[in-house]
Every structure is written in structure tokens, then in C-alpha cells.
Protein backbone atom coordinates (compact mmCIF):
# COMPACT_ATOMS: atom_id res chain seq x y z
CA MET A 1 35.95 21.13 51.28
CA THR A 2 39.53 20.51 50.16
CA THR A 3 40.65 20.67 46.56
CA SER A 4 40.93 17.39 44.73
CA ASP A 5 42.50 16.01 41.59
CA ASP A 6 39.43 13.82 41.12
CA PRO A 7 37.26 15.35 38.37
CA GLY A 8 34.21 13.52 39.74
CA LEU A 9 34.61 15.15 43.15
CA GLU A 10 35.20 18.55 41.56
CA ARG A 11 32.04 18.15 39.49
CA LEU A 12 30.05 17.00 42.52
CA ASP A 13 31.26 20.04 44.46
CA ARG A 14 30.13 22.36 41.62
CA VAL A 15 26.70 20.72 41.47
CA GLU A 16 26.27 20.85 45.25
CA SER A 17 27.43 24.47 45.26
CA GLN A 18 24.89 25.47 42.63
CA LEU A 19 22.12 23.70 44.52
CA ALA A 20 23.07 25.40 47.81
CA ILE A 21 23.36 28.84 46.17
CA GLY A 22 20.05 28.23 44.42
CA GLN A 23 18.32 27.93 47.79
CA LEU A 24 19.57 31.29 49.08
CA PRO A 25 17.03 33.51 47.24
CA ILE A 26 14.00 31.49 48.34
CA ARG A 27 15.32 31.31 51.90
CA TYR A 28 15.74 35.10 51.72
CA ALA A 29 12.17 35.53 50.43
CA LEU A 30 10.75 33.27 53.14
CA ALA A 31 12.65 35.12 55.86
CA VAL A 32 11.57 38.56 54.60
CA ASP A 33 7.95 37.59 54.18
CA ALA A 34 7.84 35.91 57.64
CA ARG A 35 9.75 38.83 59.21
CA ASP A 36 12.26 36.30 60.53
CA VAL A 37 15.12 38.78 60.82
CA ASP A 38 17.52 36.29 62.44
CA ALA A 39 17.06 33.81 59.58
CA TRP A 40 17.54 36.69 57.12
CA LEU A 41 20.77 37.79 58.78
CA ASP A 42 22.13 34.23 58.81
CA LEU A 43 22.02 34.21 55.01
CA PHE A 44 24.82 36.80 54.84
CA VAL A 45 28.55 36.50 55.49
CA PRO A 46 29.44 37.53 59.04
CA ASP A 47 31.41 40.57 57.78
CA VAL A 48 28.69 41.79 55.39
CA GLN A 49 29.24 45.39 54.32
CA VAL A 50 26.28 47.71 54.93
CA GLY A 51 26.65 51.06 53.24
CA ARG A 52 30.11 52.52 52.94
CA ASP A 53 31.54 51.92 56.37
CA HIS A 54 29.35 49.59 58.42
CA PHE A 55 30.07 45.89 58.67
CA GLY A 56 28.54 42.80 60.21
CA ARG A 57 25.16 41.24 60.69
CA GLU A 58 24.15 43.62 63.49
CA ALA A 59 24.77 46.57 61.17
CA LEU A 60 22.55 44.82 58.64
CA ARG A 61 19.88 44.32 61.32
CA ALA A 62 19.97 48.06 62.09
CA TYR A 63 19.34 48.73 58.39
CA ILE A 64 16.63 46.15 57.63
CA GLU A 65 14.44 46.27 60.73
CA PRO A 66 13.33 49.89 60.14
CA ALA A 67 12.83 49.13 56.42
CA LEU A 68 10.49 46.25 57.30
CA GLN A 69 8.27 48.66 59.22
CA GLY A 70 7.38 50.47 55.98
CA PHE A 71 4.99 47.74 54.81
CA TYR A 72 2.78 45.14 56.44
CA ARG A 73 2.43 42.06 54.24
CA SER A 74 4.86 41.07 51.53
CA MET A 75 5.35 38.22 49.12
CA HIS A 76 8.49 37.66 47.09
CA GLN A 77 8.16 35.26 44.17
CA ILE A 78 11.46 33.97 42.81
CA CYS A 79 11.07 33.71 39.04
CA GLY A 80 14.53 32.63 37.91
CA HIS A 81 18.13 32.42 39.04
CA HIS A 82 21.36 32.50 37.05
CA ILE A 83 24.45 31.29 38.95
CA GLU A 84 28.05 31.65 37.82
CA LEU A 85 30.74 29.93 39.87
CA VAL A 86 33.79 32.21 39.89
CA ASP A 87 36.05 29.85 41.77
CA ARG A 88 35.77 27.15 44.42
CA ASP A 89 34.41 29.50 47.12
CA ASN A 90 33.01 32.51 45.23
CA ALA A 91 30.10 32.95 42.85
CA ARG A 92 27.82 35.60 41.45
CA GLY A 93 24.29 35.53 40.17
CA ALA A 94 21.17 37.31 39.09
CA VAL A 95 17.74 36.57 40.56
CA TYR A 96 14.46 37.67 39.00
CA CYS A 97 11.74 38.38 41.55
CA ARG A 98 8.20 39.71 41.58
CA ALA A 99 7.66 41.35 44.95
CA GLU A 100 4.37 42.53 46.39
CA HIS A 101 3.99 44.79 49.44
CA GLU A 102 1.01 46.04 51.38
CA VAL A 103 1.70 49.70 52.08
CA ARG A 104 -1.24 51.10 54.06
CA ASP A 105 -4.15 51.05 51.58
CA ARG A 106 -1.96 50.30 48.55
CA TRP A 107 -0.78 46.96 47.12
CA ILE A 108 2.57 47.62 45.46
CA VAL A 109 3.98 45.31 42.81
CA LEU A 110 7.67 45.45 41.93
CA ALA A 111 9.57 43.72 39.14
CA VAL A 112 13.06 43.20 40.60
CA CYS A 113 16.42 41.76 39.69
CA TYR A 114 18.93 41.10 42.46
CA PHE A 115 22.56 41.07 41.37
CA ASP A 116 24.25 38.89 43.97
CA SER A 117 27.71 37.92 45.16
CA TYR A 118 28.13 34.69 47.13
CA ARG A 119 30.93 33.21 49.21
CA ARG A 120 31.37 29.83 50.85
CA VAL A 121 32.21 30.30 54.53
CA GLU A 122 33.07 27.23 56.59
CA GLY A 123 31.34 25.04 54.03
CA GLU A 124 28.15 27.12 53.76
CA TRP A 125 27.22 29.35 50.82
CA LEU A 126 26.09 32.83 51.89
CA PHE A 127 25.30 36.20 50.36
CA VAL A 128 28.18 38.67 50.32
CA ARG A 129 26.06 41.34 48.71
CA ARG A 130 22.67 41.84 47.08
CA LYS A 131 22.30 44.77 44.72
CA GLU A 132 18.60 45.30 44.06
CA ARG A 133 17.51 46.87 40.82
CA HIS A 134 13.95 47.11 39.57
CA TRP A 135 12.08 47.76 36.38
CA TYR A 136 9.06 49.28 38.06
CA SER A 137 7.02 49.67 41.20
CA ALA A 138 3.34 50.49 41.03
CA ASP A 139 0.11 49.92 42.88
CA VAL A 140 -1.71 46.90 41.51
CA ASN A 141 -4.41 49.30 40.24
CA GLU A 142 -1.88 51.43 38.31
CA ARG A 143 -0.02 50.87 35.09
CA PRO A 144 3.73 51.29 35.67
CA GLN A 145 3.94 53.89 32.86
CA ASP A 146 1.34 56.07 34.61
CA VAL A 147 3.58 56.51 37.67
CA GLY A 148 6.82 56.87 35.76
CA PHE A 149 7.68 53.24 36.62
CA HIS A 150 8.24 54.47 40.16
CA GLY A 151 5.28 54.23 42.50
CA TRP A 152 7.10 53.17 45.70
CA PRO A 153 8.98 53.69 47.92
CA GLU A 154 8.55 57.42 48.09
CA GLY A 155 11.81 59.33 48.02
CA SER A 156 13.86 56.50 46.53
CA ALA A 157 15.73 56.59 43.24
CA PRO A 158 13.81 55.78 40.06
CA PRO A 159 14.25 52.32 38.51
CA ARG A 160 17.60 51.57 36.93
CA LEU A 161 16.46 48.68 34.75
CA PRO A 162 16.49 48.03 31.93
CA ALA A 163 18.94 50.90 31.22
CA GLU A 164 21.73 49.31 33.32
CA LEU A 165 21.63 46.08 31.32
CA GLU A 166 24.66 46.14 29.08
CA ALA A 167 23.03 45.07 25.82
CA TRP A 168 19.86 47.15 26.26
CA ALA A 169 21.01 50.55 24.96
CA SER A 170 22.98 49.14 22.06
CA PHE A 171 20.00 47.06 20.94
CA TRP A 172 17.66 50.05 20.76
CA THR A 173 20.32 52.39 19.37
CA ARG A 174 21.03 49.90 16.58
CA LEU A 175 17.31 49.76 15.76
CA GLY A 176 16.90 53.55 15.82
CA GLY A 177 15.12 53.88 19.17
CA ALA A 178 12.08 52.53 20.95
CA ASP A 179 9.58 55.30 20.24
CA GLN A 180 7.46 52.98 18.08
CA VAL A 181 6.95 50.42 20.88
CA SER A 182 6.93 52.50 24.06
CA ARG A 183 5.42 55.79 25.11
CA SER A 184 8.09 55.99 27.86
CA PRO A 185 11.42 54.97 26.32
């Protein structure tokens, strides 16, 4: 879309952009849960960066296909989406998601926030990057505190949320700590 001096067209472009970006997380969830890898890949910019030095959708395929083999069923529920338009063709956002995965005889529940970057490429909004952070992962029969908020996947880093949220630490520091409301602050 070309730039315009018409405020109505600019506003329409912003609204259409937010609607298109808003569909990306649910399209992602549908593709993951259906194991439609091609649809999943098509949601990312062609030059998507995978790790430090791999680029492109085929590099992303090489990363995600083995990861999908670690669980059988999954269901990703999109709970909310904040979108911030940076400029005409770039945006960022945060997506809340409750994800569930069948891992052998376990049913793992994860509380996730994706921190996303988006770019419009040839008129289509796509993911540039998704940075996944979670509050916890635990079997549905476990309390997250009982597994240190980290029940799956084995060998991965412990949850980074809520500690990575900017206001979190200052809130609890100002109030003198969270010991009175959590056994695992």
C-alpha cells in the first residue's frame, strides 16, 4: 500500500493492519495443532532468522518438525493480543496463550506469552520473530509450584515470567516482597 495524505485512508490502513496481525496468532495455533507445517511456515517472513546464523523458512522447518515429534496432541488457546503499530510496515505485540500438550502419558498445561515482531511483506502481515516465555508448565494433575513451575519440556530453561516483566520486580520490591502471598517467590 502506498502512503497517502488522506487521514481516512491512513486510519483504514491501521485498522486493516491490526485486524490482519490479530489473525496471525490463531492461524499459528491452528497450524501447530493440525501439524500443518507448510501453513505454519507461511506465517513467517521469507528471511526468518532461526537461531544465530540460520535463515529462511526451510531452516525454520528443520527446527520445528523435530520439536513437533515431542508431543502427540496439542491445543493452543489464544487468550489475548496486544498490538502496537511501530510504523506503516512494522509492528510488535504480546499474545497470551494457554497451551496443552499430550506427552506420552502426561497432559502438560503451559501458561505462555509470545512477544512478537511483525512485518508487512508484499501487502501481507507476517511474523518476523516469536519469543516464547512462560509462567509455568505442569501436568494437569500437578500444581505448578510442586514442579518448580517447570514440568516440561525436560532439559529446557526454567520459566522467565513473570520476572522478565519490567514492572514486576519493582512492584514487589516496593511492597517489601511476596513472601506473604507465595511460597515460591
